Protein backbone atom coordinates (compact mmCIF):
# COMPACT_ATOMS: atom_id res chain seq x y z
CA MET A 1 21.06 -7.60 -4.26
CA ALA A 2 19.90 -8.75 -0.76
CA TYR A 3 17.11 -6.58 1.06
CA ASN A 4 16.17 -5.80 4.73
CA PHE A 5 12.15 -6.21 5.71
CA ASP A 6 13.06 -6.22 9.57
CA ASP A 7 12.59 -2.61 9.26
CA SER A 8 10.36 -0.32 8.73
CA VAL A 9 8.90 3.54 8.34
CA ASP A 10 7.66 5.50 11.07
CA GLN A 11 4.30 6.34 9.19
CA ASN A 12 4.29 9.10 11.56
CA LEU A 13 6.01 10.93 9.46
CA PHE A 14 3.76 10.92 5.78
CA ASN A 15 0.33 10.43 8.00
CA GLY A 16 0.14 7.09 6.60
CA MET A 17 -3.28 5.59 7.54
CA LYS A 18 -3.16 2.02 8.50
CA TRP A 19 -1.11 3.77 11.53
CA GLU A 20 -3.82 6.47 12.17
CA PRO A 21 -5.33 4.64 14.87
CA ARG A 22 -1.87 5.20 16.78
CA TYR A 23 -1.14 8.11 15.81
CA ARG A 24 -3.99 10.71 15.01
CA HIS A 25 -5.23 9.02 19.12
CA GLY A 26 -2.77 8.46 20.84
CA LYS A 27 -3.85 4.59 21.28
CA ASP A 28 -1.34 1.35 21.58
CA PHE A 29 -2.83 0.66 18.64
CA LEU A 30 -0.88 -2.27 16.52
CA CYS A 31 -2.39 -2.03 13.27
CA PHE A 32 -2.74 -5.40 11.16
CA SER A 33 -5.80 -4.22 9.00
CA LEU A 34 -5.65 -2.40 5.90
CA ALA A 35 -4.65 -3.40 3.31
CA ASP A 36 -0.58 -1.96 3.42
CA SER A 37 2.62 -3.04 3.53
CA ASP A 38 4.08 -1.59 6.49
CA PHE A 39 7.45 -2.80 3.93
CA MET A 40 9.89 0.34 2.79
CA ALA A 41 9.08 0.47 -0.88
CA PRO A 42 12.67 -0.46 -3.28
CA PRO A 43 15.26 1.69 -2.53
CA GLN A 44 14.70 1.96 -6.75
CA LEU A 45 12.06 3.43 -6.86
CA THR A 46 12.80 5.92 -4.00
CA LYS A 47 15.82 7.00 -6.22
CA ARG A 48 13.60 7.88 -9.06
CA LEU A 49 11.04 8.98 -7.35
CA THR A 50 13.30 11.97 -6.17
CA ASP A 51 15.53 12.10 -9.26
CA ARG A 52 12.83 13.35 -10.54
CA ALA A 53 11.15 15.82 -7.84
CA LYS A 54 14.09 17.58 -8.16
CA ILE A 55 13.60 18.56 -11.10
CA PRO A 56 11.56 22.01 -10.33
CA HIS A 57 8.56 21.79 -12.22
CA TYR A 58 5.74 19.32 -11.73
CA GLY A 59 3.46 20.52 -14.78
CA TYR A 60 0.89 17.78 -16.78
CA ALA A 61 2.63 14.77 -17.40
CA TYR A 62 1.94 12.36 -20.43
CA ARG A 63 2.89 8.79 -20.57
CA PRO A 64 5.34 7.89 -22.84
CA ASP A 65 6.28 5.10 -24.81
CA SER A 66 8.39 3.51 -22.54
CA PHE A 67 5.33 3.21 -19.86
CA PHE A 68 3.13 1.12 -21.81
CA ASP A 69 6.36 -1.53 -23.21
CA SER A 70 6.76 -1.97 -19.58
CA ILE A 71 3.87 -2.75 -18.26
CA VAL A 72 3.72 -5.29 -21.75
CA ASN A 73 7.23 -6.69 -20.66
CA TRP A 74 5.97 -7.34 -17.31
CA TYR A 75 2.92 -8.91 -18.65
CA GLU A 76 4.63 -12.17 -20.78
CA ARG A 77 7.85 -12.80 -18.02
CA HIS A 78 5.25 -13.05 -14.53
CA THR A 79 1.53 -14.24 -16.69
CA ASP A 80 2.64 -15.34 -20.44
CA TRP A 81 -1.01 -12.22 -21.48
CA LYS A 82 0.36 -11.39 -24.45
CA VAL A 83 -1.25 -7.41 -24.37
CA LYS A 84 -0.29 -4.56 -26.45
CA PRO A 85 -0.05 -1.07 -25.53
CA GLU A 86 -3.57 -0.20 -27.51
CA TRP A 87 -5.33 -1.94 -25.03
CA ILE A 88 -4.71 0.08 -22.17
CA SER A 89 -5.81 2.71 -20.15
CA LYS A 90 -5.21 5.05 -17.48
CA GLY A 91 -6.84 4.83 -14.20
CA TYR A 92 -6.64 7.20 -10.59
CA GLY A 93 -7.27 3.07 -9.10
CA ILE A 94 -8.13 0.42 -8.97
CA TYR A 95 -11.98 1.24 -7.38
CA PRO A 96 -12.62 4.72 -9.42
CA SER A 97 -12.05 2.45 -12.33
CA VAL A 98 -14.41 0.31 -11.96
CA CYS A 99 -17.23 3.09 -10.48
CA LEU A 100 -16.32 4.36 -13.86
CA ILE A 101 -16.94 0.70 -15.18
CA ILE A 102 -19.96 -0.04 -13.25
CA GLN A 103 -21.74 3.40 -14.88
CA GLU A 104 -20.92 2.99 -18.22
CA PHE A 105 -21.60 -0.54 -18.44
CA THR A 106 -24.86 -0.92 -16.82
CA LYS A 107 -27.93 0.06 -16.20
CA HIS A 108 -29.41 1.13 -12.99
CA ASN A 109 -31.20 -1.38 -10.27
CA GLU A 110 -29.00 -4.52 -12.86
CA GLY A 111 -27.42 -6.46 -11.31
CA VAL A 112 -23.81 -7.21 -10.91
CA ILE A 113 -22.19 -10.13 -9.20
CA PHE A 114 -19.31 -11.18 -6.59
CA GLN A 115 -17.89 -14.43 -4.85
CA THR A 116 -17.65 -13.48 -0.69
CA PRO A 117 -16.04 -13.16 1.21
CA VAL A 118 -14.45 -10.06 0.16
CA HIS A 119 -13.48 -6.71 0.59
CA GLU A 120 -16.65 -4.33 1.59
CA VAL A 121 -16.21 -1.98 -1.06
CA PHE A 122 -16.78 -4.36 -3.68
CA TRP A 123 -20.85 -3.53 -1.59
CA THR A 124 -19.83 -0.15 -1.77
CA VAL A 125 -19.43 0.79 -5.50
CA ILE A 126 -22.05 -0.86 -6.70
CA GLU A 127 -24.65 0.46 -4.47
CA ALA A 128 -22.22 3.71 -4.38
CA ASN A 129 -24.06 3.66 -8.32
CA GLY A 130 -27.59 2.46 -7.81
CA ARG A 131 -26.42 -1.62 -9.58
CA VAL A 132 -27.56 -4.61 -7.25
CA PRO A 133 -25.14 -6.67 -5.43
CA VAL A 134 -25.59 -10.17 -5.44
CA GLU A 135 -23.75 -12.32 -3.42
CA ASN A 136 -22.46 -16.14 -4.63
CA PRO A 137 -20.70 -17.20 -1.79
CA LEU A 138 -17.34 -18.97 -2.00
CA LYS A 139 -17.50 -22.62 -0.91
CA LEU A 140 -15.30 -24.13 1.86
CA GLU A 141 -14.30 -27.79 1.10
CA ASP A 142 -11.55 -29.40 3.08
CA GLY A 143 -10.02 -26.22 4.19
CA ARG A 144 -9.80 -24.39 0.95
CA TYR A 145 -12.23 -22.40 -1.19
CA THR A 146 -13.77 -22.45 -4.08
CA PHE A 147 -16.59 -21.85 -6.55
CA ASP A 148 -20.18 -22.73 -5.49
CA LEU A 149 -20.68 -22.88 -9.88
CA GLU A 150 -24.13 -23.90 -10.32
CA ASP A 151 -25.54 -20.79 -7.52
CA PHE A 152 -22.65 -18.50 -9.45
CA GLU A 153 -25.75 -18.98 -13.09
CA ARG A 154 -28.49 -19.67 -10.97
CA LYS A 155 -27.98 -16.26 -9.50
CA ILE A 156 -26.64 -14.65 -12.77
CA VAL A 157 -30.55 -15.33 -14.03
CA ASN A 158 -32.19 -14.36 -11.60
CA ASN A 159 -30.88 -11.60 -10.39
CA ASN A 160 -30.52 -9.78 -14.15
CA VAL A 161 -26.55 -9.94 -14.19
CA THR A 162 -25.70 -7.89 -16.58
CA MET A 163 -21.83 -7.65 -14.88
CA PHE A 164 -18.86 -10.00 -13.22
CA LEU A 165 -16.21 -8.59 -10.89
CA LEU A 166 -13.90 -11.58 -9.99
CA CYS A 167 -11.03 -10.80 -6.71
CA SER A 168 -7.73 -12.48 -8.52
CA PRO A 169 -6.10 -13.37 -6.56
CA HIS A 170 -9.46 -13.42 -4.60
CA ASN A 171 -9.30 -10.53 -1.05
CA PRO A 172 -9.52 -11.80 1.58
CA VAL A 173 -8.75 -16.11 0.89
CA CYS A 174 -6.01 -15.55 0.01
CA ARG A 175 -6.34 -18.14 -3.29
CA LEU A 176 -4.80 -18.15 -6.90
CA TRP A 177 -7.95 -19.72 -9.07
CA SER A 178 -6.46 -21.83 -11.68
CA GLU A 179 -7.62 -21.96 -15.15
CA THR A 180 -9.82 -24.51 -14.94
CA GLU A 181 -11.64 -22.86 -12.11
CA LEU A 182 -11.74 -19.00 -14.00
CA SER A 183 -12.63 -20.75 -17.87
CA ALA A 184 -15.60 -22.25 -15.58
CA LEU A 185 -16.62 -18.45 -14.62
CA ALA A 186 -15.97 -17.74 -17.92
CA GLU A 187 -18.27 -19.80 -19.54
CA ILE A 188 -21.14 -19.31 -17.92
CA CYS A 189 -20.78 -15.20 -18.85
CA LEU A 190 -20.75 -15.52 -22.23
CA ARG A 191 -23.12 -17.53 -22.15
CA HIS A 192 -25.65 -15.52 -20.84
CA ASN A 193 -23.23 -12.34 -22.20
CA VAL A 194 -22.65 -11.17 -18.36
CA LEU A 195 -19.73 -8.81 -18.73
CA ILE A 196 -16.29 -9.90 -16.47
CA VAL A 197 -14.23 -7.16 -14.37
CA SER A 198 -11.29 -8.12 -12.33
CA ASP A 199 -9.60 -6.26 -9.85
CA GLU A 200 -6.04 -8.09 -9.79
CA VAL A 201 -4.16 -6.04 -7.94
CA TYR A 202 -3.25 -9.06 -5.94
CA ALA A 203 -1.47 -10.74 -9.70
CA PRO A 204 2.43 -9.34 -8.37
CA LEU A 205 2.22 -11.24 -5.14
CA ALA A 206 1.77 -14.73 -6.20
CA HIS A 207 4.03 -16.86 -4.29
CA PRO A 208 6.24 -19.14 -5.65
CA GLY A 209 5.91 -21.77 -7.46
CA ARG A 210 2.73 -20.79 -8.18
CA GLN A 211 2.19 -18.33 -10.72
CA PHE A 212 -1.56 -15.68 -12.04
CA ARG A 213 -3.58 -16.25 -14.29
CA PRO A 214 -5.25 -12.97 -15.36
CA ILE A 215 -8.95 -14.61 -16.78
CA ALA A 216 -8.08 -12.02 -20.27
CA ALA A 217 -5.40 -14.53 -20.71
CA LEU A 218 -7.64 -18.36 -21.39
CA SER A 219 -9.22 -17.14 -25.16
CA GLN A 220 -9.33 -14.73 -26.81
CA GLU A 221 -12.91 -14.61 -27.06
CA VAL A 222 -12.39 -14.66 -22.84
CA SER A 223 -10.73 -11.92 -23.79
CA MET A 224 -13.51 -9.97 -25.56
CA SER A 225 -15.69 -10.18 -22.58
CA THR A 226 -13.09 -8.46 -19.96
CA ILE A 227 -12.03 -5.58 -18.57
CA THR A 228 -8.61 -5.68 -15.70
CA CYS A 229 -7.96 -2.99 -13.67
CA PHE A 230 -4.72 -3.13 -12.61
CA SER A 231 -1.92 -1.84 -9.87
CA PRO A 232 1.66 -2.66 -8.73
CA SER A 233 0.01 -0.40 -5.48
CA LYS A 234 0.26 -3.11 -2.98
CA ALA A 235 2.43 -5.15 -4.40
CA PHE A 236 5.06 -2.29 -3.73
CA SER A 237 3.75 0.36 -1.46
CA LEU A 238 2.30 2.52 -4.01
CA THR A 239 -1.17 3.48 -2.90
CA GLY A 240 -0.82 6.61 -1.80
CA ILE A 241 0.26 7.66 -5.58
CA LYS A 242 -3.52 6.34 -6.83
CA ASP A 243 -2.24 5.31 -10.15
CA SER A 244 -4.20 2.36 -11.74
CA LEU A 245 -3.81 0.17 -15.21
CA THR A 246 -7.88 -0.75 -17.25
CA ILE A 247 -6.84 -2.87 -19.65
CA THR A 248 -9.45 -4.86 -22.32
CA GLU A 249 -8.51 -6.18 -26.41
CA ASN A 250 -12.14 -5.28 -27.42
CA PRO A 251 -11.29 -1.86 -28.91
CA GLU A 252 -15.51 -1.03 -28.47
CA TYR A 253 -15.42 -0.84 -23.93
CA MET A 254 -12.41 0.88 -24.63
CA ARG A 255 -13.43 3.31 -26.50
CA ARG A 256 -17.30 3.60 -24.51
CA TYR A 257 -14.29 3.96 -20.76
CA GLU A 258 -12.46 6.43 -23.01
CA GLN A 259 -15.77 8.07 -23.59
CA ALA A 260 -16.84 7.24 -19.48
CA LEU A 261 -12.86 9.26 -18.69
CA ILE A 262 -13.74 12.17 -20.30
CA ARG A 263 -17.17 12.21 -18.73
CA MET A 264 -15.67 12.87 -15.39
CA ASN A 265 -12.85 15.32 -17.30
CA MET A 266 -10.83 12.69 -15.96
CA ASN A 267 -8.53 11.77 -19.96
CA PHE A 268 -5.79 14.49 -19.54
CA GLY A 269 -2.62 14.35 -18.91
CA ALA A 270 -1.83 11.70 -16.10
CA ASN A 271 -0.30 11.12 -13.02
CA LEU A 272 3.63 12.59 -13.35
CA PHE A 273 4.55 10.47 -9.82
CA GLY A 274 2.86 7.77 -10.90
CA ASN A 275 4.58 7.06 -14.63
CA ILE A 276 8.09 6.70 -13.20
CA ALA A 277 6.28 4.43 -9.40
CA ILE A 278 4.88 2.15 -12.33
CA GLN A 279 7.32 2.31 -14.25
CA CYS A 280 9.99 2.00 -12.09
CA VAL A 281 8.49 -0.95 -10.82
CA LEU A 282 7.71 -2.95 -13.39
CA ASP A 283 11.25 -2.79 -14.89
CA GLU A 284 13.73 -2.78 -12.37
CA CYS A 285 11.96 -4.54 -8.64
CA ASP A 286 11.68 -8.59 -10.22
CA ASP A 287 14.28 -9.44 -7.29
CA TRP A 288 12.54 -6.60 -3.95
CA LEU A 289 9.12 -7.77 -4.95
CA ALA A 290 10.16 -11.98 -5.22
CA GLN A 291 12.19 -11.22 -1.64
CA GLN A 292 8.91 -9.60 -0.15
CA ILE A 293 7.04 -12.71 -1.24
CA ASP A 294 9.70 -14.72 0.45
CA TYR A 295 10.07 -13.01 4.04
CA VAL A 296 6.07 -13.07 4.02
CA ILE A 297 5.63 -16.21 3.30
CA GLU A 298 8.25 -17.38 6.38
CA ASN A 299 6.48 -14.26 9.11
CA ARG A 300 3.24 -16.98 7.60
CA GLU A 301 5.85 -19.70 8.92
CA VAL A 302 6.23 -18.79 12.67
CA MET A 303 2.62 -17.35 12.58
CA ALA A 304 1.75 -21.31 11.64
CA ARG A 305 3.91 -22.67 14.85
CA TYR A 306 3.39 -19.80 16.87
CA PHE A 307 -0.67 -20.68 16.49
CA ARG A 308 0.84 -24.31 16.94
CA ASP A 309 1.88 -23.24 20.22
CA PHE A 310 0.46 -21.02 22.65
CA LEU A 311 -3.21 -20.42 19.99
CA PRO A 312 -4.39 -23.90 19.22
CA MET A 313 -8.11 -22.55 18.76
CA LEU A 314 -6.90 -20.65 16.15
CA GLU A 315 -6.43 -22.32 12.18
CA LEU A 316 -4.37 -20.52 9.20
CA MET A 317 -5.91 -20.76 5.62
CA PRO A 318 -3.64 -22.00 2.66
CA SER A 319 -3.14 -19.55 1.15
CA ASP A 320 -1.36 -19.32 -3.09
CA SER A 321 -0.93 -15.26 -3.01
CA THR A 322 -1.08 -11.80 -1.02
CA CYS A 323 0.43 -10.51 2.10
CA PHE A 324 -2.58 -12.01 3.73
CA ALA A 325 -3.54 -13.43 6.97
CA TRP A 326 -6.63 -15.38 6.06
CA ILE A 327 -7.57 -16.77 10.08
CA ASN A 328 -10.74 -18.81 11.13
CA CYS A 329 -10.87 -18.20 15.10
CA LYS A 330 -13.92 -20.23 15.32
CA GLY A 331 -12.32 -22.81 17.64
CA LEU A 332 -13.26 -19.60 20.53
CA ASN A 333 -16.25 -19.72 20.37
CA LEU A 334 -17.09 -15.81 19.89
CA ASP A 335 -19.62 -12.92 18.62
CA ASP A 336 -17.82 -11.65 15.99
CA ARG A 337 -18.63 -8.08 17.41
CA GLU A 338 -18.03 -9.38 20.39
CA PHE A 339 -14.39 -10.74 19.30
CA GLU A 340 -14.05 -7.20 17.67
CA ARG A 341 -14.60 -5.15 20.69
CA LEU A 342 -12.20 -7.89 22.59
CA LEU A 343 -9.01 -7.13 20.25
CA SER A 344 -9.69 -3.55 20.06
CA GLU A 345 -9.84 -2.36 23.24
CA GLU A 346 -7.83 -5.80 25.10
CA ALA A 347 -5.46 -6.29 23.12
CA GLY A 348 -4.58 -3.28 21.36
CA VAL A 349 -4.40 -4.99 18.52
CA LEU A 350 -6.86 -3.89 15.21
CA LEU A 351 -7.64 -6.69 12.23
CA ARG A 352 -9.75 -7.17 9.47
CA HIS A 353 -13.28 -8.71 10.71
CA GLY A 354 -14.13 -11.13 8.05
CA TYR A 355 -18.35 -10.76 8.96
CA HIS A 356 -17.61 -7.10 7.32
CA MET A 357 -17.10 -9.05 4.42
CA GLY A 358 -20.30 -10.66 3.74
CA PRO A 359 -21.28 -15.26 3.25
CA GLY A 360 -18.73 -17.05 4.82
CA GLY A 361 -16.02 -14.13 6.59
CA SER A 362 -18.23 -14.71 9.69
CA GLY A 363 -15.57 -16.01 12.22
CA PHE A 364 -12.75 -15.65 10.58
CA VAL A 365 -9.99 -12.40 10.81
CA ARG A 366 -7.83 -11.44 7.46
CA MET A 367 -4.57 -10.17 9.03
CA MET A 368 -1.94 -7.89 6.92
CA ILE A 369 1.41 -9.46 7.71
CA SER A 370 3.78 -7.53 5.11
CA CYS A 371 5.20 -6.15 8.04
CA PRO A 372 8.16 -7.31 10.78
CA ARG A 373 8.43 -10.24 11.94
CA ALA A 374 8.52 -8.78 14.98
CA THR A 375 5.91 -6.35 14.71
CA MET A 376 3.75 -9.51 13.70
CA LEU A 377 5.28 -11.46 16.73
CA GLU A 378 3.96 -7.92 19.41
CA GLY A 379 0.96 -8.16 17.90
CA LEU A 380 0.29 -12.49 18.39
CA GLU A 381 1.05 -12.39 21.86
CA ARG A 382 -1.59 -9.44 22.75
CA MET A 383 -3.69 -11.93 21.30
CA ARG A 384 -2.30 -14.71 23.93
CA LYS A 385 -2.33 -12.76 26.71
CA VAL A 386 -6.24 -11.42 25.50
CA PHE A 387 -7.36 -15.26 25.55
CA ALA A 388 -5.37 -16.62 28.55
CA LYS A 389 -7.57 -13.83 30.15
């Protein structure tokens, strides 16, 4: 069936955080900053959750065997990674799981390395747990982001790094890392006994003709050195359910991770609606997801034409995946903070500004374009009018 992505739900009806600046403060903002979709969730999911909500009991839930089958089947169908049920544990969101892993597998003042520009939460979870953030900025060559492998290895050696926090696909630069690129990183991590923790929340959002490759799927040796954090939340409008999966082939890693869950009393029971939601979207919503990705790619094409016609000083960077537009704004010759103020106060457009995302982010913005096309175009038109002044 054909799905309609030109309509969205009024987020004021359910206190959606993405649009909170507009509805809480009564200001005429257009909100593209939070990595949350404006699209209505798949109708199959709404029916499943509604049917369960009609059963008048909301007590402790367990995860049936069919839940794990859904995950195994989705990975094999979309990535060729043959995951086994015993490799799968729970999480209450990607970053709560990353916090537990940092606490369990690293020591105070050890280094955790990651690639910038990247979402600010990477610094937050590392610093809040008493570890040292170590930045390995991406290289931008001929309009394409790549890894700086020499800097990566040098900083591992010089900064007592024991964990690598990978963003794959990458937020915000929209790169889908190739097997060759991932293998080069993995070899360095194996050589220096660095645990790989892979944030793969955007995995379902690979663009047509491209396949997402989990780093743990490279080889058994890499798999035994990797913990993967995954959730379908970003791809299927599920972020408010706060549920995720933690996956590792290494039984000792699994034992220690589940011990960390026990330590925080997070081991008992499962997310009642998370169970239903994850199973439903992984089993039944491939077609909905494919149509959503097509719509977002059309949004990108419309944006690219708009930039050419009306905002030639802005450059839309290439994208392999995700629902972002990563935009080079250096042609405006504006200070980052002044640019942010201009968009917010004069255009009423809220974006995620790259200078908050570490080295390599200055002069760029991230715009969430999993929204109705009319909303995106209104945001671009507001930007045009401000820059015209």
